[in-house]
Amino acid sequence: RGMIRMSLQEFTPSAKATFKPIAFIEKLNRLVLEDIREEKFALNLVLLDPLRDLATYISCGFDSLLHIPQGQSLPRRLSSQNDLLGVSLTTEFSETTDNWNPGDLLFIHSLTLS
């Protein structure tokens, strides 16, 4: 939690508009690897961008995000399978994006590691 808060503090209001989820996850991964405890962490990141109607999802060790657009009943599964944070400095992280609008439902859970 502390690493995430520290990493987010460097973003000024104008820099928040250009937030890059993959770069953020890569930085967190490096910080976790540099920590003396040598722990690994699971993480879900969902970034909602109402100006571009986009949802960006990154999962490190968890399952997919379910997206149900407003007025529909069948969920779309957004998958972004990545290693846990702290596994390797050379891990290449991936993200997935989907159209998103206010009123859509997003379901995320962190009950079990995948």
PDB file of N, CA and C in Angstrom:
ATOM      1  N   ARG A   1       0.829  -1.189   0.000  1.00  0.00           N
ATOM      2  CA  ARG A   1       0.000   0.000   0.000  1.00  0.00           C
ATOM      3  C   ARG A   1       0.869   1.247   0.000  1.00  0.00           C
ATOM      4  N   GLY A   2       1.917   1.234   0.804  1.00  0.00           N
ATOM      5  CA  GLY A   2       2.808   2.383   0.877  1.00  0.00           C
ATOM      6  C   GLY A   2       3.521   2.647  -0.440  1.00  0.00           C
ATOM      7  N   MET A   3       3.945   1.576  -1.108  1.00  0.00           N
ATOM      8  CA  MET A   3       4.613   1.740  -2.401  1.00  0.00           C
ATOM      9  C   MET A   3       3.676   2.346  -3.433  1.00  0.00           C
ATOM     10  N   ILE A   4       2.418   1.936  -3.411  1.00  0.00           N
ATOM     11  CA  ILE A   4       1.446   2.467  -4.363  1.00  0.00           C
ATOM     12  C   ILE A   4       1.202   3.944  -4.091  1.00  0.00           C
ATOM     13  N   ARG A   5       0.990   4.297  -2.830  1.00  0.00           N
ATOM     14  CA  ARG A   5       0.751   5.699  -2.485  1.00  0.00           C
ATOM     15  C   ARG A   5       1.948   6.573  -2.851  1.00  0.00           C
ATOM     16  N   MET A   6       3.150   6.090  -2.564  1.00  0.00           N
ATOM     17  CA  MET A   6       4.353   6.841  -2.888  1.00  0.00           C
ATOM     18  C   MET A   6       4.476   7.031  -4.401  1.00  0.00           C
ATOM     19  N   SER A   7       4.208   6.000  -5.158  1.00  0.00           N
ATOM     20  CA  SER A   7       4.320   6.083  -6.610  1.00  0.00           C
ATOM     21  C   SER A   7       3.295   7.030  -7.209  1.00  0.00           C
ATOM     22  N   LEU A   8       2.109   7.083  -6.632  1.00  0.00           N
ATOM     23  CA  LEU A   8       1.071   7.965  -7.157  1.00  0.00           C
ATOM     24  C   LEU A   8       1.314   9.433  -6.811  1.00  0.00           C
ATOM     25  N   GLN A   9       2.055   9.709  -5.761  1.00  0.00           N
ATOM     26  CA  GLN A   9       2.289  11.094  -5.350  1.00  0.00           C
ATOM     27  C   GLN A   9       3.100  11.884  -6.368  1.00  0.00           C
ATOM     28  N   GLU A  10       3.878  11.206  -7.187  1.00  0.00           N
ATOM     29  CA  GLU A  10       4.697  11.922  -8.157  1.00  0.00           C
ATOM     30  C   GLU A  10       3.886  12.468  -9.328  1.00  0.00           C
ATOM     31  N   PHE A  11       2.636  12.056  -9.437  1.00  0.00           N
ATOM     32  CA  PHE A  11       1.799  12.526 -10.535  1.00  0.00           C
ATOM     33  C   PHE A  11       1.108  13.838 -10.163  1.00  0.00           C
ATOM     34  N   THR A  12       1.453  14.886 -10.878  1.00  0.00           N
ATOM     35  CA  THR A  12       0.791  16.178 -10.715  1.00  0.00           C
ATOM     36  C   THR A  12      -0.574  16.082 -11.384  1.00  0.00           C
ATOM     37  N   PRO A  13      -1.458  17.047 -11.136  1.00  0.00           N
ATOM     38  CA  PRO A  13      -2.770  16.979 -11.804  1.00  0.00           C
ATOM     39  C   PRO A  13      -2.669  16.870 -13.325  1.00  0.00           C
ATOM     40  N   SER A  14      -1.729  17.564 -13.945  1.00  0.00           N
ATOM     41  CA  SER A  14      -1.604  17.464 -15.407  1.00  0.00           C
ATOM     42  C   SER A  14      -1.003  16.119 -15.816  1.00  0.00           C
ATOM     43  N   ALA A  15      -0.128  15.561 -14.982  1.00  0.00           N
ATOM     44  CA  ALA A  15       0.473  14.258 -15.293  1.00  0.00           C
ATOM     45  C   ALA A  15      -0.533  13.130 -15.112  1.00  0.00           C
ATOM     46  N   LYS A  16      -1.539  13.322 -14.271  1.00  0.00           N
ATOM     47  CA  LYS A  16      -2.546  12.275 -14.076  1.00  0.00           C
ATOM     48  C   LYS A  16      -3.309  12.004 -15.363  1.00  0.00           C
ATOM     49  N   ALA A  17      -3.412  12.999 -16.226  1.00  0.00           N
ATOM     50  CA  ALA A  17      -4.110  12.816 -17.495  1.00  0.00           C
ATOM     51  C   ALA A  17      -3.335  11.894 -18.432  1.00  0.00           C
ATOM     52  N   THR A  18      -2.044  11.737 -18.199  1.00  0.00           N
ATOM     53  CA  THR A  18      -1.220  10.881 -19.049  1.00  0.00           C
ATOM     54  C   THR A  18      -0.726   9.641 -18.294  1.00  0.00           C
ATOM     55  N   PHE A  19      -1.437   9.246 -17.266  1.00  0.00           N
ATOM     56  CA  PHE A  19      -1.076   8.072 -16.468  1.00  0.00           C
ATOM     57  C   PHE A  19      -0.991   6.844 -17.361  1.00  0.00           C
ATOM     58  N   LYS A  20       0.118   6.132 -17.274  1.00  0.00           N
ATOM     59  CA  LYS A  20       0.344   4.919 -18.063  1.00  0.00           C
ATOM     60  C   LYS A  20       0.333   3.707 -17.132  1.00  0.00           C
ATOM     61  N   PRO A  21      -0.725   2.901 -17.170  1.00  0.00           N
ATOM     62  CA  PRO A  21      -0.841   1.769 -16.246  1.00  0.00           C
ATOM     63  C   PRO A  21       0.330   0.786 -16.314  1.00  0.00           C
ATOM     64  N   ILE A  22       0.799   0.450 -17.503  1.00  0.00           N
ATOM     65  CA  ILE A  22       1.904  -0.514 -17.622  1.00  0.00           C
ATOM     66  C   ILE A  22       3.171   0.046 -16.975  1.00  0.00           C
ATOM     67  N   ALA A  23       3.485   1.308 -17.229  1.00  0.00           N
ATOM     68  CA  ALA A  23       4.672   1.927 -16.626  1.00  0.00           C
ATOM     69  C   ALA A  23       4.552   1.935 -15.101  1.00  0.00           C
ATOM     70  N   PHE A  24       3.351   2.192 -14.598  1.00  0.00           N
ATOM     71  CA  PHE A  24       3.107   2.191 -13.159  1.00  0.00           C
ATOM     72  C   PHE A  24       3.343   0.797 -12.568  1.00  0.00           C
ATOM     73  N   ILE A  25       2.814  -0.234 -13.216  1.00  0.00           N
ATOM     74  CA  ILE A  25       2.984  -1.611 -12.743  1.00  0.00           C
ATOM     75  C   ILE A  25       4.453  -2.017 -12.808  1.00  0.00           C
ATOM     76  N   GLU A  26       5.147  -1.627 -13.869  1.00  0.00           N
ATOM     77  CA  GLU A  26       6.574  -1.953 -13.981  1.00  0.00           C
ATOM     78  C   GLU A  26       7.366  -1.311 -12.848  1.00  0.00           C
ATOM     79  N   LYS A  27       7.015  -0.081 -12.497  1.00  0.00           N
ATOM     80  CA  LYS A  27       7.703   0.600 -11.391  1.00  0.00           C
ATOM     81  C   LYS A  27       7.427  -0.121 -10.069  1.00  0.00           C
ATOM     82  N   LEU A  28       6.167  -0.481  -9.828  1.00  0.00           N
ATOM     83  CA  LEU A  28       5.835  -1.222  -8.602  1.00  0.00           C
ATOM     84  C   LEU A  28       6.582  -2.549  -8.551  1.00  0.00           C
ATOM     85  N   ASN A  29       6.656  -3.238  -9.682  1.00  0.00           N
ATOM     86  CA  ASN A  29       7.370  -4.506  -9.739  1.00  0.00           C
ATOM     87  C   ASN A  29       8.837  -4.315  -9.349  1.00  0.00           C
ATOM     88  N   ARG A  30       9.462  -3.262  -9.876  1.00  0.00           N
ATOM     89  CA  ARG A  30      10.863  -2.977  -9.544  1.00  0.00           C
ATOM     90  C   ARG A  30      11.021  -2.680  -8.050  1.00  0.00           C
ATOM     91  N   LEU A  31      10.098  -1.883  -7.483  1.00  0.00           N
ATOM     92  CA  LEU A  31      10.163  -1.569  -6.057  1.00  0.00           C
ATOM     93  C   LEU A  31      10.016  -2.820  -5.193  1.00  0.00           C
ATOM     94  N   VAL A  32       9.102  -3.713  -5.587  1.00  0.00           N
ATOM     95  CA  VAL A  32       8.902  -4.952  -4.834  1.00  0.00           C
ATOM     96  C   VAL A  32      10.161  -5.815  -4.912  1.00  0.00           C
ATOM     97  N   LEU A  33      10.761  -5.882  -6.088  1.00  0.00           N
ATOM     98  CA  LEU A  33      11.982  -6.678  -6.247  1.00  0.00           C
ATOM     99  C   LEU A  33      13.156  -6.111  -5.458  1.00  0.00           C
ATOM    100  N   GLU A  34      13.182  -4.805  -5.264  1.00  0.00           N
ATOM    101  CA  GLU A  34      14.267  -4.161  -4.520  1.00  0.00           C
ATOM    102  C   GLU A  34      14.079  -4.269  -3.011  1.00  0.00           C
ATOM    103  N   ASP A  35      12.885  -4.639  -2.576  1.00  0.00           N
ATOM    104  CA  ASP A  35      12.601  -4.744  -1.152  1.00  0.00           C
ATOM    105  C   ASP A  35      13.325  -5.941  -0.551  1.00  0.00           C
ATOM    106  N   ILE A  36      13.830  -5.786   0.651  1.00  0.00           N
ATOM    107  CA  ILE A  36      14.620  -6.851   1.282  1.00  0.00           C
ATOM    108  C   ILE A  36      13.788  -8.066   1.701  1.00  0.00           C
ATOM    109  N   ARG A  37      12.479  -7.918   1.771  1.00  0.00           N
ATOM    110  CA  ARG A  37      11.632  -9.043   2.200  1.00  0.00           C
ATOM    111  C   ARG A  37      11.449 -10.109   1.131  1.00  0.00           C
ATOM    112  N   GLU A  38      11.716  -9.765  -0.111  1.00  0.00           N
ATOM    113  CA  GLU A  38      11.595 -10.703  -1.230  1.00  0.00           C
ATOM    114  C   GLU A  38      10.217 -11.350  -1.303  1.00  0.00           C
ATOM    115  N   GLU A  39       9.170 -10.576  -1.075  1.00  0.00           N
ATOM    116  CA  GLU A  39       7.806 -11.084  -1.171  1.00  0.00           C
ATOM    117  C   GLU A  39       7.269 -10.864  -2.576  1.00  0.00           C
ATOM    118  N   LYS A  40       6.234 -11.605  -2.908  1.00  0.00           N
ATOM    119  CA  LYS A  40       5.530 -11.436  -4.173  1.00  0.00           C
ATOM    120  C   LYS A  40       4.106 -11.006  -3.856  1.00  0.00           C
ATOM    121  N   PHE A  41       3.532 -10.183  -4.727  1.00  0.00           N
ATOM    122  CA  PHE A  41       2.209  -9.628  -4.468  1.00  0.00           C
ATOM    123  C   PHE A  41       1.305  -9.769  -5.681  1.00  0.00           C
ATOM    124  N   ALA A  42       0.037 -10.034  -5.413  1.00  0.00           N
ATOM    125  CA  ALA A  42      -0.991 -10.001  -6.445  1.00  0.00           C
ATOM    126  C   ALA A  42      -1.590  -8.591  -6.459  1.00  0.00           C
ATOM    127  N   LEU A  43      -2.072  -8.191  -7.630  1.00  0.00           N
ATOM    128  CA  LEU A  43      -2.626  -6.839  -7.765  1.00  0.00           C
ATOM    129  C   LEU A  43      -3.619  -6.806  -8.907  1.00  0.00           C
ATOM    130  N   ASN A  44      -4.708  -6.107  -8.706  1.00  0.00           N
ATOM    131  CA  ASN A  44      -5.652  -5.770  -9.772  1.00  0.00           C
ATOM    132  C   ASN A  44      -5.633  -4.265  -9.937  1.00  0.00           C
ATOM    133  N   LEU A  45      -5.590  -3.798 -11.168  1.00  0.00           N
ATOM    134  CA  LEU A  45      -5.668  -2.371 -11.443  1.00  0.00           C
ATOM    135  C   LEU A  45      -6.751  -2.139 -12.487  1.00  0.00           C
ATOM    136  N   VAL A  46      -7.690  -1.266 -12.172  1.00  0.00           N
ATOM    137  CA  VAL A  46      -8.731  -0.866 -13.122  1.00  0.00           C
ATOM    138  C   VAL A  46      -8.673   0.646 -13.231  1.00  0.00           C
ATOM    139  N   LEU A  47      -8.474   1.132 -14.432  1.00  0.00           N
ATOM    140  CA  LEU A  47      -8.439   2.568 -14.697  1.00  0.00           C
ATOM    141  C   LEU A  47      -9.637   2.913 -15.570  1.00  0.00           C
ATOM    142  N   LEU A  48     -10.511   3.772 -15.058  1.00  0.00           N
ATOM    143  CA  LEU A  48     -11.686   4.209 -15.811  1.00  0.00           C
ATOM    144  C   LEU A  48     -11.419   5.594 -16.364  1.00  0.00           C
ATOM    145  N   ASP A  49     -11.570   5.742 -17.666  1.00  0.00           N
ATOM    146  CA  ASP A  49     -11.334   7.013 -18.349  1.00  0.00           C
ATOM    147  C   ASP A  49     -12.642   7.468 -18.995  1.00  0.00           C
ATOM    148  N   PRO A  50     -13.439   8.283 -18.271  1.00  0.00           N
ATOM    149  CA  PRO A  50     -14.733   8.697 -18.819  1.00  0.00           C
ATOM    150  C   PRO A  50     -14.616   9.641 -20.019  1.00  0.00           C
ATOM    151  N   LEU A  51     -13.485  10.318 -20.177  1.00  0.00           N
ATOM    152  CA  LEU A  51     -13.313  11.209 -21.331  1.00  0.00           C
ATOM    153  C   LEU A  51     -13.148  10.427 -22.633  1.00  0.00           C
ATOM    154  N   ARG A  52     -12.554   9.238 -22.536  1.00  0.00           N
ATOM    155  CA  ARG A  52     -12.363   8.403 -23.730  1.00  0.00           C
ATOM    156  C   ARG A  52     -13.261   7.167 -23.716  1.00  0.00           C
ATOM    157  N   ASP A  53     -14.120   7.047 -22.689  1.00  0.00           N
ATOM    158  CA  ASP A  53     -15.024   5.895 -22.558  1.00  0.00           C
ATOM    159  C   ASP A  53     -14.265   4.567 -22.578  1.00  0.00           C
ATOM    160  N   LEU A  54     -13.162   4.508 -21.803  1.00  0.00           N
ATOM    161  CA  LEU A  54     -12.336   3.313 -21.768  1.00  0.00           C
ATOM    162  C   LEU A  54     -12.150   2.794 -20.348  1.00  0.00           C
ATOM    163  N   ALA A  55     -12.116   1.477 -20.232  1.00  0.00           N
ATOM    164  CA  ALA A  55     -11.696   0.806 -18.997  1.00  0.00           C
ATOM    165  C   ALA A  55     -10.430   0.041 -19.334  1.00  0.00           C
ATOM    166  N   THR A  56      -9.386   0.244 -18.541  1.00  0.00           N
ATOM    167  CA  THR A  56      -8.131  -0.480 -18.709  1.00  0.00           C
ATOM    168  C   THR A  56      -7.969  -1.397 -17.510  1.00  0.00           C
ATOM    169  N   TYR A  57      -7.604  -2.649 -17.762  1.00  0.00           N
ATOM    170  CA  TYR A  57      -7.495  -3.648 -16.704  1.00  0.00           C
ATOM    171  C   TYR A  57      -6.149  -4.358 -16.777  1.00  0.00           C
ATOM    172  N   ILE A  58      -5.498  -4.460 -15.610  1.00  0.00           N
ATOM    173  CA  ILE A  58      -4.270  -5.238 -15.469  1.00  0.00           C
ATOM    174  C   ILE A  58      -4.441  -6.140 -14.249  1.00  0.00           C
ATOM    175  N   SER A  59      -4.174  -7.430 -14.437  1.00  0.00           N
ATOM    176  CA  SER A  59      -4.230  -8.378 -13.336  1.00  0.00           C
ATOM    177  C   SER A  59      -2.873  -9.043 -13.177  1.00  0.00           C
ATOM    178  N   CYS A  60      -2.359  -8.994 -11.979  1.00  0.00           N
ATOM    179  CA  CYS A  60      -1.114  -9.691 -11.638  1.00  0.00           C
ATOM    180  C   CYS A  60      -1.456 -10.752 -10.603  1.00  0.00           C
ATOM    181  N   GLY A  61      -1.819 -11.937 -11.098  1.00  0.00           N
ATOM    182  CA  GLY A  61      -2.102 -13.047 -10.209  1.00  0.00           C
ATOM    183  C   GLY A  61      -3.561 -13.289  -9.895  1.00  0.00           C
ATOM    184  N   PHE A  62      -4.450 -12.493 -10.428  1.00  0.00           N
ATOM    185  CA  PHE A  62      -5.879 -12.684 -10.174  1.00  0.00           C
ATOM    186  C   PHE A  62      -6.601 -13.063 -11.457  1.00  0.00           C
ATOM    187  N   ASP A  63      -7.905 -13.249 -11.343  1.00  0.00           N
ATOM    188  CA  ASP A  63      -8.734 -13.684 -12.456  1.00  0.00           C
ATOM    189  C   ASP A  63      -9.162 -12.501 -13.321  1.00  0.00           C
ATOM    190  N   SER A  64     -10.023 -12.771 -14.258  1.00  0.00           N
ATOM    191  CA  SER A  64     -10.501 -11.768 -15.200  1.00  0.00           C
ATOM    192  C   SER A  64     -11.449 -10.767 -14.554  1.00  0.00           C
ATOM    193  N   LEU A  65     -11.654  -9.672 -15.226  1.00  0.00           N
ATOM    194  CA  LEU A  65     -12.649  -8.659 -14.875  1.00  0.00           C
ATOM    195  C   LEU A  65     -13.877  -8.937 -15.733  1.00  0.00           C
ATOM    196  N   LEU A  66     -15.047  -8.904 -15.121  1.00  0.00           N
ATOM    197  CA  LEU A  66     -16.284  -9.086 -15.885  1.00  0.00           C
ATOM    198  C   LEU A  66     -16.914  -7.726 -16.128  1.00  0.00           C
ATOM    199  N   HIS A  67     -17.288  -7.478 -17.377  1.00  0.00           N
ATOM    200  CA  HIS A  67     -17.869  -6.193 -17.782  1.00  0.00           C
ATOM    201  C   HIS A  67     -19.235  -6.450 -18.396  1.00  0.00           C
ATOM    202  N   ILE A  68     -20.264  -5.849 -17.781  1.00  0.00           N
ATOM    203  CA  ILE A  68     -21.624  -5.942 -18.319  1.00  0.00           C
ATOM    204  C   ILE A  68     -22.054  -4.543 -18.719  1.00  0.00           C
ATOM    205  N   PRO A  69     -22.083  -4.264 -20.029  1.00  0.00           N
ATOM    206  CA  PRO A  69     -22.536  -2.948 -20.482  1.00  0.00           C
ATOM    207  C   PRO A  69     -23.993  -2.702 -20.070  1.00  0.00           C
ATOM    208  N   GLN A  70     -24.299  -1.445 -19.818  1.00  0.00           N
ATOM    209  CA  GLN A  70     -25.649  -1.068 -19.402  1.00  0.00           C
ATOM    210  C   GLN A  70     -26.663  -1.556 -20.435  1.00  0.00           C
ATOM    211  N   GLY A  71     -27.745  -2.171 -19.952  1.00  0.00           N
ATOM    212  CA  GLY A  71     -28.805  -2.657 -20.826  1.00  0.00           C
ATOM    213  C   GLY A  71     -28.567  -4.061 -21.368  1.00  0.00           C
ATOM    214  N   GLN A  72     -27.433  -4.661 -21.037  1.00  0.00           N
ATOM    215  CA  GLN A  72     -27.147  -6.023 -21.487  1.00  0.00           C
ATOM    216  C   GLN A  72     -27.112  -6.956 -20.286  1.00  0.00           C
ATOM    217  N   SER A  73     -27.179  -8.258 -20.532  1.00  0.00           N
ATOM    218  CA  SER A  73     -27.171  -9.208 -19.422  1.00  0.00           C
ATOM    219  C   SER A  73     -25.978 -10.173 -19.476  1.00  0.00           C
ATOM    220  N   LEU A  74     -25.329 -10.274 -20.623  1.00  0.00           N
ATOM    221  CA  LEU A  74     -24.201 -11.181 -20.738  1.00  0.00           C
ATOM    222  C   LEU A  74     -22.891 -10.438 -20.490  1.00  0.00           C
ATOM    223  N   PRO A  75     -22.076 -10.963 -19.567  1.00  0.00           N
ATOM    224  CA  PRO A  75     -20.807 -10.292 -19.285  1.00  0.00           C
ATOM    225  C   PRO A  75     -19.755 -10.582 -20.355  1.00  0.00           C
ATOM    226  N   ARG A  76     -18.890  -9.592 -20.544  1.00  0.00           N
ATOM    227  CA  ARG A  76     -17.673  -9.786 -21.338  1.00  0.00           C
ATOM    228  C   ARG A  76     -16.553 -10.017 -20.340  1.00  0.00           C
ATOM    229  N   ARG A  77     -15.673 -10.934 -20.665  1.00  0.00           N
ATOM    230  CA  ARG A  77     -14.560 -11.276 -19.778  1.00  0.00           C
ATOM    231  C   ARG A  77     -13.317 -10.553 -20.279  1.00  0.00           C
ATOM    232  N   LEU A  78     -12.754  -9.682 -19.435  1.00  0.00           N
ATOM    233  CA  LEU A  78     -11.526  -8.971 -19.775  1.00  0.00           C
ATOM    234  C   LEU A  78     -10.376  -9.666 -19.061  1.00  0.00           C
ATOM    235  N   SER A  79      -9.475 -10.228 -19.824  1.00  0.00           N
ATOM    236  CA  SER A  79      -8.395 -11.005 -19.247  1.00  0.00           C
ATOM    237  C   SER A  79      -7.060 -10.310 -19.461  1.00  0.00           C
ATOM    238  N   SER A  80      -6.250 -10.332 -18.433  1.00  0.00           N
ATOM    239  CA  SER A  80      -4.908  -9.753 -18.491  1.00  0.00           C
ATOM    240  C   SER A  80      -4.044 -10.532 -17.516  1.00  0.00           C
ATOM    241  N   GLN A  81      -3.612 -11.695 -17.919  1.00  0.00           N
ATOM    242  CA  GLN A  81      -2.870 -12.581 -17.036  1.00  0.00           C
ATOM    243  C   GLN A  81      -1.395 -12.202 -16.999  1.00  0.00           C
ATOM    244  N   ASN A  82      -0.935 -11.805 -15.842  1.00  0.00           N
ATOM    245  CA  ASN A  82       0.460 -11.429 -15.636  1.00  0.00           C
ATOM    246  C   ASN A  82       0.996 -12.134 -14.403  1.00  0.00           C
ATOM    247  N   ASP A  83       2.328 -12.221 -14.332  1.00  0.00           N
ATOM    248  CA  ASP A  83       2.974 -12.759 -13.130  1.00  0.00           C
ATOM    249  C   ASP A  83       2.655 -11.876 -11.933  1.00  0.00           C
ATOM    250  N   LEU A  84       2.822 -12.438 -10.751  1.00  0.00           N
ATOM    251  CA  LEU A  84       2.749 -11.645  -9.527  1.00  0.00           C
ATOM    252  C   LEU A  84       3.835 -10.574  -9.556  1.00  0.00           C
ATOM    253  N   LEU A  85       3.621  -9.476  -8.849  1.00  0.00           N
ATOM    254  CA  LEU A  85       4.668  -8.472  -8.699  1.00  0.00           C
ATOM    255  C   LEU A  85       5.776  -9.067  -7.846  1.00  0.00           C
ATOM    256  N   GLY A  86       7.013  -8.855  -8.259  1.00  0.00           N
ATOM    257  CA  GLY A  86       8.146  -9.349  -7.499  1.00  0.00           C
ATOM    258  C   GLY A  86       8.715 -10.658  -8.003  1.00  0.00           C
ATOM    259  N   VAL A  87       8.220 -11.176  -9.120  1.00  0.00           N
ATOM    260  CA  VAL A  87       8.722 -12.436  -9.661  1.00  0.00           C
ATOM    261  C   VAL A  87      10.027 -12.225 -10.429  1.00  0.00           C
ATOM    262  N   SER A  88      10.041 -11.236 -11.324  1.00  0.00           N
ATOM    263  CA  SER A  88      11.213 -11.027 -12.169  1.00  0.00           C
ATOM    264  C   SER A  88      11.249  -9.589 -12.672  1.00  0.00           C
ATOM    265  N   LEU A  89      12.446  -9.052 -12.801  1.00  0.00           N
ATOM    266  CA  LEU A  89      12.616  -7.710 -13.344  1.00  0.00           C
ATOM    267  C   LEU A  89      12.328  -7.686 -14.841  1.00  0.00           C
ATOM    268  N   THR A  90      12.398  -8.828 -15.495  1.00  0.00           N
ATOM    269  CA  THR A  90      12.185  -8.881 -16.941  1.00  0.00           C
ATOM    270  C   THR A  90      10.750  -9.241 -17.323  1.00  0.00           C
ATOM    271  N   THR A  91       9.869  -9.327 -16.348  1.00  0.00           N
ATOM    272  CA  THR A  91       8.465  -9.622 -16.645  1.00  0.00           C
ATOM    273  C   THR A  91       7.901  -8.552 -17.570  1.00  0.00           C
ATOM    274  N   GLU A  92       7.237  -8.992 -18.629  1.00  0.00           N
ATOM    275  CA  GLU A  92       6.547  -8.071 -19.523  1.00  0.00           C
ATOM    276  C   GLU A  92       5.065  -8.113 -19.176  1.00  0.00           C
ATOM    277  N   PHE A  93       4.531  -6.986 -18.736  1.00  0.00           N
ATOM    278  CA  PHE A  93       3.145  -6.913 -18.306  1.00  0.00           C
ATOM    279  C   PHE A  93       2.252  -6.531 -19.483  1.00  0.00           C
ATOM    280  N   SER A  94       1.022  -7.041 -19.443  1.00  0.00           N
ATOM    281  CA  SER A  94       0.049  -6.703 -20.484  1.00  0.00           C
ATOM    282  C   SER A  94      -1.205  -6.139 -19.834  1.00  0.00           C
ATOM    283  N   GLU A  95      -1.937  -5.378 -20.608  1.00  0.00           N
ATOM    284  CA  GLU A  95      -3.197  -4.801 -20.160  1.00  0.00           C
ATOM    285  C   GLU A  95      -4.249  -5.098 -21.212  1.00  0.00           C
ATOM    286  N   THR A  96      -5.492  -4.944 -20.830  1.00  0.00           N
ATOM    287  CA  THR A  96      -6.582  -5.051 -21.786  1.00  0.00           C
ATOM    288  C   THR A  96      -7.482  -3.838 -21.600  1.00  0.00           C
ATOM    289  N   THR A  97      -8.073  -3.380 -22.678  1.00  0.00           N
ATOM    290  CA  THR A  97      -8.983  -2.240 -22.609  1.00  0.00           C
ATOM    291  C   THR A  97     -10.309  -2.624 -23.245  1.00  0.00           C
ATOM    292  N   ASP A  98     -11.346  -1.918 -22.833  1.00  0.00           N
ATOM    293  CA  ASP A  98     -12.680  -2.155 -23.369  1.00  0.00           C
ATOM    294  C   ASP A  98     -13.441  -0.838 -23.306  1.00  0.00           C
ATOM    295  N   ASN A  99     -14.417  -0.692 -24.187  1.00  0.00           N
ATOM    296  CA  ASN A  99     -15.293   0.480 -24.085  1.00  0.00           C
ATOM    297  C   ASN A  99     -16.001   0.434 -22.745  1.00  0.00           C
ATOM    298  N   TRP A 100     -16.137   1.580 -22.117  1.00  0.00           N
ATOM    299  CA  TRP A 100     -16.790   1.661 -20.818  1.00  0.00           C
ATOM    300  C   TRP A 100     -17.592   2.954 -20.762  1.00  0.00           C
ATOM    301  N   ASN A 101     -18.775   2.862 -20.204  1.00  0.00           N
ATOM    302  CA  ASN A 101     -19.632   4.028 -20.024  1.00  0.00           C
ATOM    303  C   ASN A 101     -20.198   4.028 -18.617  1.00  0.00           C
ATOM    304  N   PRO A 102     -20.440   5.212 -18.058  1.00  0.00           N
ATOM    305  CA  PRO A 102     -21.113   5.251 -16.755  1.00  0.00           C
ATOM    306  C   PRO A 102     -22.410   4.447 -16.836  1.00  0.00           C
ATOM    307  N   GLY A 103     -22.658   3.647 -15.832  1.00  0.00           N
ATOM    308  CA  GLY A 103     -23.829   2.766 -15.828  1.00  0.00           C
ATOM    309  C   GLY A 103     -23.485   1.329 -16.152  1.00  0.00           C
ATOM    310  N   ASP A 104     -22.324   1.100 -16.770  1.00  0.00           N
ATOM    311  CA  ASP A 104     -21.865  -0.270 -16.998  1.00  0.00           C
ATOM    312  C   ASP A 104     -21.486  -0.891 -15.656  1.00  0.00           C
ATOM    313  N   LEU A 105     -21.561  -2.205 -15.577  1.00  0.00           N
ATOM    314  CA  LEU A 105     -21.166  -2.909 -14.363  1.00  0.00           C
ATOM    315  C   LEU A 105     -19.821  -3.598 -14.575  1.00  0.00           C
ATOM    316  N   LEU A 106     -18.946  -3.444 -13.610  1.00  0.00           N
ATOM    317  CA  LEU A 106     -17.654  -4.120 -13.628  1.00  0.00           C
ATOM    318  C   LEU A 106     -17.559  -4.971 -12.365  1.00  0.00           C
ATOM    319  N   PHE A 107     -17.215  -6.240 -12.535  1.00  0.00           N
ATOM    320  CA  PHE A 107     -17.095  -7.149 -11.410  1.00  0.00           C
ATOM    321  C   PHE A 107     -15.666  -7.650 -11.329  1.00  0.00           C
ATOM    322  N   ILE A 108     -15.090  -7.437 -10.171  1.00  0.00           N
ATOM    323  CA  ILE A 108     -13.726  -7.883  -9.933  1.00  0.00           C
ATOM    324  C   ILE A 108     -13.700  -8.562  -8.575  1.00  0.00           C
ATOM    325  N   HIS A 109     -12.954  -9.620  -8.471  1.00  0.00           N
ATOM    326  CA  HIS A 109     -12.827 -10.258  -7.155  1.00  0.00           C
ATOM    327  C   HIS A 109     -11.380 -10.683  -6.967  1.00  0.00           C
ATOM    328  N   SER A 110     -11.025 -10.811  -5.727  1.00  0.00           N
ATOM    329  CA  SER A 110      -9.656 -11.227  -5.411  1.00  0.00           C
ATOM    330  C   SER A 110      -9.698 -12.349  -4.369  1.00  0.00           C
ATOM    331  N   LEU A 111     -10.641 -13.259  -4.569  1.00  0.00           N
ATOM    332  CA  LEU A 111     -10.836 -14.320  -3.583  1.00  0.00           C
ATOM    333  C   LEU A 111      -9.778 -15.415  -3.666  1.00  0.00           C
ATOM    334  N   THR A 112      -9.278 -15.695  -4.867  1.00  0.00           N
ATOM    335  CA  THR A 112      -8.258 -16.727  -5.009  1.00  0.00           C
ATOM    336  C   THR A 112      -7.235 -16.303  -6.044  1.00  0.00           C
ATOM    337  N   LEU A 113      -6.026 -16.757  -5.872  1.00  0.00           N
ATOM    338  CA  LEU A 113      -4.997 -16.536  -6.873  1.00  0.00           C
ATOM    339  C   LEU A 113      -5.192 -17.528  -8.006  1.00  0.00           C
ATOM    340  N   SER A 114      -4.928 -17.067  -9.234  1.00  0.00           N
ATOM    341  CA  SER A 114      -5.079 -17.980 -10.373  1.00  0.00           C
ATOM    342  C   SER A 114      -3.787 -18.699 -10.665  1.00  0.00           C
TER     343      SER A 114
END
